[in-house]
PDB file of N, CA and C in Angstrom:
ATOM      1  N   UNK A   1      92.541 115.673  95.051  1.00  0.00           N
ATOM      2  CA  UNK A   1      93.131 114.351  95.011  1.00  0.00           C
ATOM      3  C   UNK A   1      92.855 113.748  93.632  1.00  0.00           C
ATOM      4  N   UNK A   2      93.885 113.169  93.034  1.00  0.00           N
ATOM      5  CA  UNK A   2      93.717 112.598  91.698  1.00  0.00           C
ATOM      6  C   UNK A   2      92.984 111.257  91.767  1.00  0.00           C
ATOM      7  N   UNK A   3      92.458 110.811  90.620  1.00  0.00           N
ATOM      8  CA  UNK A   3      91.782 109.510  90.570  1.00  0.00           C
ATOM      9  C   UNK A   3      92.751 108.393  90.921  1.00  0.00           C
ATOM     10  N   UNK A   4      93.992 108.534  90.501  1.00  0.00           N
ATOM     11  CA  UNK A   4      95.006 107.519  90.826  1.00  0.00           C
ATOM     12  C   UNK A   4      95.222 107.441  92.341  1.00  0.00           C
ATOM     13  N   UNK A   5      95.328 108.598  92.978  1.00  0.00           N
ATOM     14  CA  UNK A   5      95.500 108.630  94.432  1.00  0.00           C
ATOM     15  C   UNK A   5      94.283 108.037  95.139  1.00  0.00           C
ATOM     16  N   UNK A   6      93.085 108.349  94.630  1.00  0.00           N
ATOM     17  CA  UNK A   6      91.869 107.797  95.221  1.00  0.00           C
ATOM     18  C   UNK A   6      91.844 106.275  95.106  1.00  0.00           C
ATOM     19  N   UNK A   7      92.222 105.752  93.949  1.00  0.00           N
ATOM     20  CA  UNK A   7      92.228 104.296  93.761  1.00  0.00           C
ATOM     21  C   UNK A   7      93.241 103.634  94.689  1.00  0.00           C
ATOM     22  N   UNK A   8      94.409 104.236  94.839  1.00  0.00           N
ATOM     23  CA  UNK A   8      95.421 103.681  95.735  1.00  0.00           C
ATOM     24  C   UNK A   8      94.917 103.693  97.171  1.00  0.00           C
ATOM     25  N   UNK A   9      94.361 104.811  97.594  1.00  0.00           N
ATOM     26  CA  UNK A   9      93.825 104.932  98.944  1.00  0.00           C
ATOM     27  C   UNK A   9      92.715 103.916  99.180  1.00  0.00           C
ATOM     28  N   UNK A  10      91.847 103.756  98.210  1.00  0.00           N
ATOM     29  CA  UNK A  10      90.749 102.799  98.333  1.00  0.00           C
ATOM     30  C   UNK A  10      91.266 101.377  98.441  1.00  0.00           C
ATOM     31  N   UNK A  11      92.286 101.034  97.668  1.00  0.00           N
ATOM     32  CA  UNK A  11      92.852  99.686  97.725  1.00  0.00           C
ATOM     33  C   UNK A  11      93.474  99.411  99.092  1.00  0.00           C
ATOM     34  N   UNK A  12      94.183 100.386  99.624  1.00  0.00           N
ATOM     35  CA  UNK A  12      94.779 100.227 100.959  1.00  0.00           C
ATOM     36  C   UNK A  12      93.678 100.083 102.001  1.00  0.00           C
ATOM     37  N   UNK A  13      92.653 100.928 101.914  1.00  0.00           N
ATOM     38  CA  UNK A  13      91.542 100.882 102.861  1.00  0.00           C
ATOM     39  C   UNK A  13      90.846  99.524 102.836  1.00  0.00           C
ATOM     40  N   UNK A  14      90.564  99.022 101.637  1.00  0.00           N
ATOM     41  CA  UNK A  14      89.889  97.726 101.517  1.00  0.00           C
ATOM     42  C   UNK A  14      90.764  96.610 102.057  1.00  0.00           C
ATOM     43  N   UNK A  15      92.049  96.665 101.790  1.00  0.00           N
ATOM     44  CA  UNK A  15      92.960  95.630 102.267  1.00  0.00           C
ATOM     45  C   UNK A  15      93.058  95.587 103.778  1.00  0.00           C
ATOM     46  N   UNK A  16      92.936  96.737 104.404  1.00  0.00           N
ATOM     47  CA  UNK A  16      92.996  96.807 105.864  1.00  0.00           C
ATOM     48  C   UNK A  16      91.651  96.445 106.480  1.00  0.00           C
ATOM     49  N   UNK A  17      90.595  96.932 105.888  1.00  0.00           N
ATOM     50  CA  UNK A  17      89.271  96.870 106.490  1.00  0.00           C
ATOM     51  C   UNK A  17      88.626  95.487 106.442  1.00  0.00           C
ATOM     52  N   UNK A  18      88.626  94.847 105.311  1.00  0.00           N
ATOM     53  CA  UNK A  18      87.799  93.663 105.132  1.00  0.00           C
ATOM     54  C   UNK A  18      88.325  92.367 105.743  1.00  0.00           C
ATOM     55  N   UNK A  19      89.502  91.884 105.375  1.00  0.00           N
ATOM     56  CA  UNK A  19      89.893  90.542 105.850  1.00  0.00           C
ATOM     57  C   UNK A  19      89.930  90.353 107.366  1.00  0.00           C
ATOM     58  N   UNK A  20      90.564  91.237 108.134  1.00  0.00           N
ATOM     59  CA  UNK A  20      90.607  90.989 109.584  1.00  0.00           C
ATOM     60  C   UNK A  20      89.234  91.028 110.234  1.00  0.00           C
ATOM     61  N   UNK A  21      88.413  92.014 109.869  1.00  0.00           N
ATOM     62  CA  UNK A  21      87.096  92.118 110.480  1.00  0.00           C
ATOM     63  C   UNK A  21      86.189  90.969 110.067  1.00  0.00           C
ATOM     64  N   UNK A  22      86.294  90.555 108.815  1.00  0.00           N
ATOM     65  CA  UNK A  22      85.479  89.423 108.365  1.00  0.00           C
ATOM     66  C   UNK A  22      85.854  88.164 109.128  1.00  0.00           C
ATOM     67  N   UNK A  23      87.131  87.957 109.375  1.00  0.00           N
ATOM     68  CA  UNK A  23      87.570  86.780 110.129  1.00  0.00           C
ATOM     69  C   UNK A  23      87.052  86.806 111.561  1.00  0.00           C
ATOM     70  N   UNK A  24      87.131  87.959 112.192  1.00  0.00           N
ATOM     71  CA  UNK A  24      86.625  88.090 113.560  1.00  0.00           C
ATOM     72  C   UNK A  24      85.123  87.835 113.586  1.00  0.00           C
ATOM     73  N   UNK A  25      84.406  88.415 112.634  1.00  0.00           N
ATOM     74  CA  UNK A  25      82.952  88.230 112.567  1.00  0.00           C
ATOM     75  C   UNK A  25      82.570  86.783 112.352  1.00  0.00           C
ATOM     76  N   UNK A  26      83.260  86.094 111.460  1.00  0.00           N
ATOM     77  CA  UNK A  26      82.945  84.684 111.181  1.00  0.00           C
ATOM     78  C   UNK A  26      83.275  83.806 112.384  1.00  0.00           C
ATOM     79  N   UNK A  27      84.389  84.083 113.027  1.00  0.00           N
ATOM     80  CA  UNK A  27      84.760  83.309 114.206  1.00  0.00           C
ATOM     81  C   UNK A  27      83.728  83.486 115.309  1.00  0.00           C
ATOM     82  N   UNK A  28      83.334  84.726 115.558  1.00  0.00           N
ATOM     83  CA  UNK A  28      82.323  84.992 116.591  1.00  0.00           C
ATOM     84  C   UNK A  28      80.986  84.373 116.211  1.00  0.00           C
ATOM     85  N   UNK A  29      80.632  84.414 114.932  1.00  0.00           N
ATOM     86  CA  UNK A  29      79.363  83.835 114.479  1.00  0.00           C
ATOM     87  C   UNK A  29      79.324  82.340 114.772  1.00  0.00           C
ATOM     88  N   UNK A  30      80.413  81.655 114.498  1.00  0.00           N
ATOM     89  CA  UNK A  30      80.457  80.215 114.760  1.00  0.00           C
ATOM     90  C   UNK A  30      80.450  79.912 116.255  1.00  0.00           C
ATOM     91  N   UNK A  31      81.137  80.738 117.008  1.00  0.00           N
ATOM     92  CA  UNK A  31      81.217  80.528 118.451  1.00  0.00           C
ATOM     93  C   UNK A  31      79.856  80.717 119.135  1.00  0.00           C
ATOM     94  N   UNK A  32      79.058  81.665 118.655  1.00  0.00           N
ATOM     95  CA  UNK A  32      77.805  82.000 119.326  1.00  0.00           C
ATOM     96  C   UNK A  32      76.548  81.459 118.637  1.00  0.00           C
ATOM     97  N   UNK A  33      76.701  80.791 117.510  1.00  0.00           N
ATOM     98  CA  UNK A  33      75.537  80.306 116.754  1.00  0.00           C
ATOM     99  C   UNK A  33      74.636  79.396 117.586  1.00  0.00           C
ATOM    100  N   UNK A  34      75.198  78.497 118.370  1.00  0.00           N
ATOM    101  CA  UNK A  34      74.412  77.571 119.172  1.00  0.00           C
ATOM    102  C   UNK A  34      73.658  78.271 120.305  1.00  0.00           C
ATOM    103  N   UNK A  35      74.048  79.499 120.613  1.00  0.00           N
ATOM    104  CA  UNK A  35      73.374  80.271 121.658  1.00  0.00           C
ATOM    105  C   UNK A  35      72.318  81.206 121.054  1.00  0.00           C
ATOM    106  N   UNK A  36      72.029  81.013 119.765  1.00  0.00           N
ATOM    107  CA  UNK A  36      71.050  81.819 119.044  1.00  0.00           C
ATOM    108  C   UNK A  36      71.445  83.293 118.984  1.00  0.00           C
ATOM    109  N   UNK A  37      72.751  83.535 118.923  1.00  0.00           N
ATOM    110  CA  UNK A  37      73.282  84.890 118.771  1.00  0.00           C
ATOM    111  C   UNK A  37      73.885  84.979 117.374  1.00  0.00           C
ATOM    112  N   UNK A  38      73.395  85.923 116.594  1.00  0.00           N
ATOM    113  CA  UNK A  38      73.902  86.119 115.241  1.00  0.00           C
ATOM    114  C   UNK A  38      74.939  87.234 115.222  1.00  0.00           C
ATOM    115  N   UNK A  39      76.016  87.021 114.499  1.00  0.00           N
ATOM    116  CA  UNK A  39      77.078  88.019 114.373  1.00  0.00           C
ATOM    117  C   UNK A  39      77.317  88.264 112.887  1.00  0.00           C
ATOM    118  N   UNK A  40      77.150  89.505 112.466  1.00  0.00           N
ATOM    119  CA  UNK A  40      77.352  89.895 111.074  1.00  0.00           C
ATOM    120  C   UNK A  40      78.140  91.203 111.034  1.00  0.00           C
ATOM    121  N   UNK A  41      78.771  91.469 109.910  1.00  0.00           N
ATOM    122  CA  UNK A  41      79.539  92.706 109.725  1.00  0.00           C
ATOM    123  C   UNK A  41      78.909  93.529 108.610  1.00  0.00           C
ATOM    124  N   UNK A  42      78.955  94.837 108.752  1.00  0.00           N
ATOM    125  CA  UNK A  42      78.458  95.743 107.727  1.00  0.00           C
ATOM    126  C   UNK A  42      79.618  96.639 107.303  1.00  0.00           C
ATOM    127  N   UNK A  43      79.850  96.691 105.991  1.00  0.00           N
ATOM    128  CA  UNK A  43      80.925  97.499 105.430  1.00  0.00           C
ATOM    129  C   UNK A  43      80.316  98.582 104.534  1.00  0.00           C
ATOM    130  N   UNK A  44      80.226  99.807 105.016  1.00  0.00           N
ATOM    131  CA  UNK A  44      79.644 100.877 104.197  1.00  0.00           C
ATOM    132  C   UNK A  44      80.658 101.451 103.211  1.00  0.00           C
ATOM    133  N   UNK A  45      80.146 102.017 102.153  1.00  0.00           N
ATOM    134  CA  UNK A  45      80.986 102.710 101.179  1.00  0.00           C
ATOM    135  C   UNK A  45      81.078 104.188 101.517  1.00  0.00           C
ATOM    136  N   UNK A  46      81.186 105.007 100.480  1.00  0.00           N
ATOM    137  CA  UNK A  46      81.276 106.459 100.662  1.00  0.00           C
ATOM    138  C   UNK A  46      79.882 106.988 100.994  1.00  0.00           C
ATOM    139  N   UNK A  47      79.713 107.385 102.243  1.00  0.00           N
ATOM    140  CA  UNK A  47      78.406 107.821 102.735  1.00  0.00           C
ATOM    141  C   UNK A  47      78.438 109.323 102.998  1.00  0.00           C
ATOM    142  N   UNK A  48      77.403 110.004 102.582  1.00  0.00           N
ATOM    143  CA  UNK A  48      77.305 111.453 102.762  1.00  0.00           C
ATOM    144  C   UNK A  48      76.946 111.750 104.215  1.00  0.00           C
ATOM    145  N   UNK A  49      77.911 112.263 104.941  1.00  0.00           N
ATOM    146  CA  UNK A  49      77.745 112.558 106.363  1.00  0.00           C
ATOM    147  C   UNK A  49      78.395 113.916 106.672  1.00  0.00           C
ATOM    148  N   UNK A  50      78.213 114.435 107.871  1.00  0.00           N
ATOM    149  CA  UNK A  50      78.931 115.663 108.234  1.00  0.00           C
ATOM    150  C   UNK A  50      80.453 115.509 108.126  1.00  0.00           C
ATOM    151  N   UNK A  51      80.974 114.317 108.421  1.00  0.00           N
ATOM    152  CA  UNK A  51      82.420 114.099 108.318  1.00  0.00           C
ATOM    153  C   UNK A  51      82.879 114.218 106.858  1.00  0.00           C
ATOM    154  N   UNK A  52      82.149 113.589 105.938  1.00  0.00           N
ATOM    155  CA  UNK A  52      82.556 113.681 104.536  1.00  0.00           C
ATOM    156  C   UNK A  52      82.353 115.095 104.000  1.00  0.00           C
ATOM    157  N   UNK A  53      81.379 115.803 104.514  1.00  0.00           N
ATOM    158  CA  UNK A  53      81.182 117.204 104.112  1.00  0.00           C
ATOM    159  C   UNK A  53      82.403 118.043 104.504  1.00  0.00           C
ATOM    160  N   UNK A  54      82.976 117.767 105.668  1.00  0.00           N
ATOM    161  CA  UNK A  54      84.185 118.492 106.094  1.00  0.00           C
ATOM    162  C   UNK A  54      85.359 118.197 105.164  1.00  0.00           C
ATOM    163  N   UNK A  55      85.463 116.962 104.677  1.00  0.00           N
ATOM    164  CA  UNK A  55      86.542 116.612 103.749  1.00  0.00           C
ATOM    165  C   UNK A  55      86.378 117.389 102.442  1.00  0.00           C
ATOM    166  N   UNK A  56      85.144 117.462 101.946  1.00  0.00           N
ATOM    167  CA  UNK A  56      84.871 118.229 100.723  1.00  0.00           C
ATOM    168  C   UNK A  56      85.166 119.709 100.962  1.00  0.00           C
ATOM    169  N   UNK A  57      84.685 120.235 102.083  1.00  0.00           N
ATOM    170  CA  UNK A  57      84.884 121.659 102.397  1.00  0.00           C
ATOM    171  C   UNK A  57      86.360 122.014 102.558  1.00  0.00           C
ATOM    172  N   UNK A  58      87.178 121.058 103.015  1.00  0.00           N
ATOM    173  CA  UNK A  58      88.600 121.334 103.214  1.00  0.00           C
ATOM    174  C   UNK A  58      89.382 121.342 101.903  1.00  0.00           C
ATOM    175  N   UNK A  59      88.745 120.868 100.833  1.00  0.00           N
ATOM    176  CA  UNK A  59      89.419 120.840  99.537  1.00  0.00           C
ATOM    177  C   UNK A  59      90.235 119.582  99.285  1.00  0.00           C
ATOM    178  N   UNK A  60      90.230 118.631 100.214  1.00  0.00           N
ATOM    179  CA  UNK A  60      90.978 117.390 100.036  1.00  0.00           C
ATOM    180  C   UNK A  60      90.394 116.526  98.920  1.00  0.00           C
ATOM    181  N   UNK A  61      89.120 116.717  98.651  1.00  0.00           N
ATOM    182  CA  UNK A  61      88.412 115.941  97.648  1.00  0.00           C
ATOM    183  C   UNK A  61      87.237 116.799  97.188  1.00  0.00           C
ATOM    184  N   UNK A  62      86.716 116.520  96.005  1.00  0.00           N
ATOM    185  CA  UNK A  62      85.523 117.254  95.591  1.00  0.00           C
ATOM    186  C   UNK A  62      84.418 116.272  95.221  1.00  0.00           C
ATOM    187  N   UNK A  63      83.221 116.790  95.085  1.00  0.00           N
ATOM    188  CA  UNK A  63      82.040 115.954  94.804  1.00  0.00           C
ATOM    189  C   UNK A  63      82.230 115.124  93.538  1.00  0.00           C
ATOM    190  N   UNK A  64      82.829 115.715  92.510  1.00  0.00           N
ATOM    191  CA  UNK A  64      83.016 115.004  91.250  1.00  0.00           C
ATOM    192  C   UNK A  64      83.945 113.804  91.413  1.00  0.00           C
ATOM    193  N   UNK A  65      84.976 113.927  92.275  1.00  0.00           N
ATOM    194  CA  UNK A  65      85.870 112.797  92.535  1.00  0.00           C
ATOM    195  C   UNK A  65      85.086 111.612  93.080  1.00  0.00           C
ATOM    196  N   UNK A  66      84.237 111.890  94.052  1.00  0.00           N
ATOM    197  CA  UNK A  66      83.466 110.817  94.683  1.00  0.00           C
ATOM    198  C   UNK A  66      82.504 110.200  93.685  1.00  0.00           C
ATOM    199  N   UNK A  67      81.809 111.032  92.954  1.00  0.00           N
ATOM    200  CA  UNK A  67      80.836 110.531  91.984  1.00  0.00           C
ATOM    201  C   UNK A  67      81.511 109.706  90.890  1.00  0.00           C
ATOM    202  N   UNK A  68      82.697 110.110  90.468  1.00  0.00           N
ATOM    203  CA  UNK A  68      83.427 109.360  89.444  1.00  0.00           C
ATOM    204  C   UNK A  68      83.962 108.044  90.003  1.00  0.00           C
ATOM    205  N   UNK A  69      84.281 108.033  91.268  1.00  0.00           N
ATOM    206  CA  UNK A  69      84.885 106.857  91.899  1.00  0.00           C
ATOM    207  C   UNK A  69      83.854 105.787  92.235  1.00  0.00           C
ATOM    208  N   UNK A  70      82.654 106.186  92.592  1.00  0.00           N
ATOM    209  CA  UNK A  70      81.608 105.235  92.957  1.00  0.00           C
ATOM    210  C   UNK A  70      80.928 104.703  91.696  1.00  0.00           C
ATOM    211  N   UNK A  71      80.820 103.377  91.524  1.00  0.00           N
ATOM    212  CA  UNK A  71      80.173 102.823  90.341  1.00  0.00           C
ATOM    213  C   UNK A  71      78.737 103.325  90.129  1.00  0.00           C
ATOM    214  N   UNK A  72      78.001 103.589  91.209  1.00  0.00           N
ATOM    215  CA  UNK A  72      76.629 104.088  91.049  1.00  0.00           C
ATOM    216  C   UNK A  72      76.592 105.590  90.771  1.00  0.00           C
ATOM    217  N   UNK A  73      77.745 106.252  90.862  1.00  0.00           N
ATOM    218  CA  UNK A  73      77.838 107.661  90.510  1.00  0.00           C
ATOM    219  C   UNK A  73      77.282 108.638  91.520  1.00  0.00           C
ATOM    220  N   UNK A  74      77.218 108.230  92.780  1.00  0.00           N
ATOM    221  CA  UNK A  74      76.693 109.147  93.805  1.00  0.00           C
ATOM    222  C   UNK A  74      77.158 108.681  95.188  1.00  0.00           C
ATOM    223  N   UNK A  75      76.984 109.568  96.150  1.00  0.00           N
ATOM    224  CA  UNK A  75      77.212 109.226  97.548  1.00  0.00           C
ATOM    225  C   UNK A  75      76.118 108.271  98.014  1.00  0.00           C
ATOM    226  N   UNK A  76      76.444 107.416  98.976  1.00  0.00           N
ATOM    227  CA  UNK A  76      75.416 106.667  99.672  1.00  0.00           C
ATOM    228  C   UNK A  76      74.830 107.528 100.775  1.00  0.00           C
ATOM    229  N   UNK A  77      73.645 107.174 101.211  1.00  0.00           N
ATOM    230  CA  UNK A  77      72.980 107.911 102.288  1.00  0.00           C
ATOM    231  C   UNK A  77      72.981 107.066 103.563  1.00  0.00           C
ATOM    232  N   UNK A  78      73.072 107.693 104.727  1.00  0.00           N
ATOM    233  CA  UNK A  78      73.046 106.933 105.971  1.00  0.00           C
ATOM    234  C   UNK A  78      71.838 106.000 106.073  1.00  0.00           C
ATOM    235  N   UNK A  79      70.711 106.431 105.552  1.00  0.00           N
ATOM    236  CA  UNK A  79      69.509 105.596 105.619  1.00  0.00           C
ATOM    237  C   UNK A  79      69.690 104.287 104.848  1.00  0.00           C
ATOM    238  N   UNK A  80      70.509 104.302 103.803  1.00  0.00           N
ATOM    239  CA  UNK A  80      70.735 103.084 103.025  1.00  0.00           C
ATOM    240  C   UNK A  80      71.530 102.061 103.825  1.00  0.00           C
ATOM    241  N   UNK A  81      72.436 102.528 104.644  1.00  0.00           N
ATOM    242  CA  UNK A  81      73.162 101.623 105.542  1.00  0.00           C
ATOM    243  C   UNK A  81      72.202 101.130 106.618  1.00  0.00           C
ATOM    244  N   UNK A  82      71.422 102.046 107.156  1.00  0.00           N
ATOM    245  CA  UNK A  82      70.449 101.702 108.192  1.00  0.00           C
ATOM    246  C   UNK A  82      69.466 100.640 107.753  1.00  0.00           C
ATOM    247  N   UNK A  83      69.029 100.691 106.504  1.00  0.00           N
ATOM    248  CA  UNK A  83      68.085  99.690 106.006  1.00  0.00           C
ATOM    249  C   UNK A  83      68.695  98.292 106.000  1.00  0.00           C
ATOM    250  N   UNK A  84      69.970  98.211 105.643  1.00  0.00           N
ATOM    251  CA  UNK A  84      70.652  96.915 105.695  1.00  0.00           C
ATOM    252  C   UNK A  84      70.785  96.401 107.119  1.00  0.00           C
ATOM    253  N   UNK A  85      71.110  97.299 108.034  1.00  0.00           N
ATOM    254  CA  UNK A  85      71.245  96.917 109.441  1.00  0.00           C
ATOM    255  C   UNK A  85      69.899  96.490 110.017  1.00  0.00           C
ATOM    256  N   UNK A  86      68.843  97.217 109.683  1.00  0.00           N
ATOM    257  CA  UNK A  86      67.502  96.847 110.154  1.00  0.00           C
ATOM    258  C   UNK A  86      67.157  95.440 109.679  1.00  0.00           C
ATOM    259  N   UNK A  87      67.470  95.136 108.426  1.00  0.00           N
ATOM    260  CA  UNK A  87      67.198  93.786 107.921  1.00  0.00           C
ATOM    261  C   UNK A  87      67.988  92.737 108.707  1.00  0.00           C
ATOM    262  N   UNK A  88      69.261  93.008 108.966  1.00  0.00           N
ATOM    263  CA  UNK A  88      70.072  92.049 109.733  1.00  0.00           C
ATOM    264  C   UNK A  88      69.526  91.846 111.140  1.00  0.00           C
ATOM    265  N   UNK A  89      68.922  92.867 111.705  1.00  0.00           N
ATOM    266  CA  UNK A  89      68.366  92.771 113.054  1.00  0.00           C
ATOM    267  C   UNK A  89      66.972  92.147 113.083  1.00  0.00           C
ATOM    268  N   UNK A  90      66.361  92.015 111.920  1.00  0.00           N
ATOM    269  CA  UNK A  90      64.978  91.533 111.865  1.00  0.00           C
ATOM    270  C   UNK A  90      64.905  90.006 111.819  1.00  0.00           C
ATOM    271  N   UNK A  91      63.698  89.497 112.040  1.00  0.00           N
ATOM    272  CA  UNK A  91      63.460  88.056 111.929  1.00  0.00           C
ATOM    273  C   UNK A  91      63.622  87.561 110.497  1.00  0.00           C
ATOM    274  N   UNK A  92      63.535  88.470 109.521  1.00  0.00           N
ATOM    275  CA  UNK A  92      63.706  88.081 108.119  1.00  0.00           C
ATOM    276  C   UNK A  92      65.101  87.529 107.842  1.00  0.00           C
ATOM    277  N   UNK A  93      66.069  87.868 108.693  1.00  0.00           N
ATOM    278  CA  UNK A  93      67.436  87.369 108.516  1.00  0.00           C
ATOM    279  C   UNK A  93      67.820  86.370 109.608  1.00  0.00           C
ATOM    280  N   UNK A  94      66.836  85.687 110.153  1.00  0.00           N
ATOM    281  CA  UNK A  94      67.100  84.796 111.290  1.00  0.00           C
ATOM    282  C   UNK A  94      68.061  83.649 110.981  1.00  0.00           C
ATOM    283  N   UNK A  95      68.278  83.338 109.708  1.00  0.00           N
ATOM    284  CA  UNK A  95      69.187  82.257 109.337  1.00  0.00           C
ATOM    285  C   UNK A  95      70.521  82.807 108.827  1.00  0.00           C
ATOM    286  N   UNK A  96      70.749  84.101 109.031  1.00  0.00           N
ATOM    287  CA  UNK A  96      71.963  84.767 108.553  1.00  0.00           C
ATOM    288  C   UNK A  96      72.891  85.028 109.729  1.00  0.00           C
ATOM    289  N   UNK A  97      74.078  84.440 109.673  1.00  0.00           N
ATOM    290  CA  UNK A  97      75.116  84.727 110.664  1.00  0.00           C
ATOM    291  C   UNK A  97      76.474  84.513 110.001  1.00  0.00           C
ATOM    292  N   UNK A  98      77.447  85.291 110.413  1.00  0.00           N
ATOM    293  CA  UNK A  98      78.773  85.212 109.813  1.00  0.00           C
ATOM    294  C   UNK A  98      78.848  85.900 108.459  1.00  0.00           C
ATOM    295  N   UNK A  99      77.889  86.758 108.180  1.00  0.00           N
ATOM    296  CA  UNK A  99      77.815  87.418 106.875  1.00  0.00           C
ATOM    297  C   UNK A  99      78.504  88.775 106.902  1.00  0.00           C
ATOM    298  N   UNK A 100      79.207  89.079 105.834  1.00  0.00           N
ATOM    299  CA  UNK A 100      79.801  90.403 105.652  1.00  0.00           C
ATOM    300  C   UNK A 100      78.974  91.142 104.607  1.00  0.00           C
ATOM    301  N   UNK A 101      78.137  92.068 105.059  1.00  0.00           N
ATOM    302  CA  UNK A 101      77.265  92.807 104.157  1.00  0.00           C
ATOM    303  C   UNK A 101      77.967  94.078 103.694  1.00  0.00           C
ATOM    304  N   UNK A 102      78.229  94.140 102.405  1.00  0.00           N
ATOM    305  CA  UNK A 102      78.879  95.299 101.811  1.00  0.00           C
ATOM    306  C   UNK A 102      77.807  96.186 101.198  1.00  0.00           C
ATOM    307  N   UNK A 103      77.704  97.401 101.697  1.00  0.00           N
ATOM    308  CA  UNK A 103      76.725  98.371 101.192  1.00  0.00           C
ATOM    309  C   UNK A 103      77.529  99.560 100.693  1.00  0.00           C
ATOM    310  N   UNK A 104      78.027  99.440  99.452  1.00  0.00           N
ATOM    311  CA  UNK A 104      79.000 100.420  98.982  1.00  0.00           C
ATOM    312  C   UNK A 104      78.789 100.906  97.555  1.00  0.00           C
ATOM    313  N   UNK A 105      77.610 100.706  97.013  1.00  0.00           N
ATOM    314  CA  UNK A 105      77.343 101.199  95.661  1.00  0.00           C
ATOM    315  C   UNK A 105      78.131 100.501  94.582  1.00  0.00           C
ATOM    316  N   UNK A 106      78.632  99.309  94.859  1.00  0.00           N
ATOM    317  CA  UNK A 106      79.353  98.520  93.868  1.00  0.00           C
ATOM    318  C   UNK A 106      80.857  98.692  93.876  1.00  0.00           C
ATOM    319  N   UNK A 107      81.384  99.456  94.832  1.00  0.00           N
ATOM    320  CA  UNK A 107      82.810  99.741  94.856  1.00  0.00           C
ATOM    321  C   UNK A 107      83.660  98.478  94.987  1.00  0.00           C
ATOM    322  N   UNK A 108      83.325  97.583  95.883  1.00  0.00           N
ATOM    323  CA  UNK A 108      84.121  96.360  96.074  1.00  0.00           C
ATOM    324  C   UNK A 108      83.988  95.424  94.881  1.00  0.00           C
ATOM    325  N   UNK A 109      82.868  95.490  94.170  1.00  0.00           N
ATOM    326  CA  UNK A 109      82.634  94.595  93.028  1.00  0.00           C
ATOM    327  C   UNK A 109      83.558  94.911  91.853  1.00  0.00           C
ATOM    328  N   UNK A 110      84.177  96.084  91.855  1.00  0.00           N
ATOM    329  CA  UNK A 110      85.043  96.436  90.715  1.00  0.00           C
ATOM    330  C   UNK A 110      86.306  95.640  90.698  1.00  0.00           C
TER     331      UNK A 110
END
């Protein structure tokens, strides 16, 4: 897959993924805030998983494409997403609700 194709695919993915889910999350956060229920969304980037390994193995994409596409120059790890989720579930984030946490190695910031 060319870099141009990757950028187009990423733009379509971001356009579909973020706005509707963020709206649902914010609406639910406001609806349940008085009941001490926090609602937040987590948006992961390119994470190294068995599913992404199958994509690489199939030849649809290669490691260099991903590394070039991600601003940090590498795949994210599942544990990095987990750490963000653990924080959202902890008392340290007790005043956080309606938040969209992007854990994507800087991809959305571009």
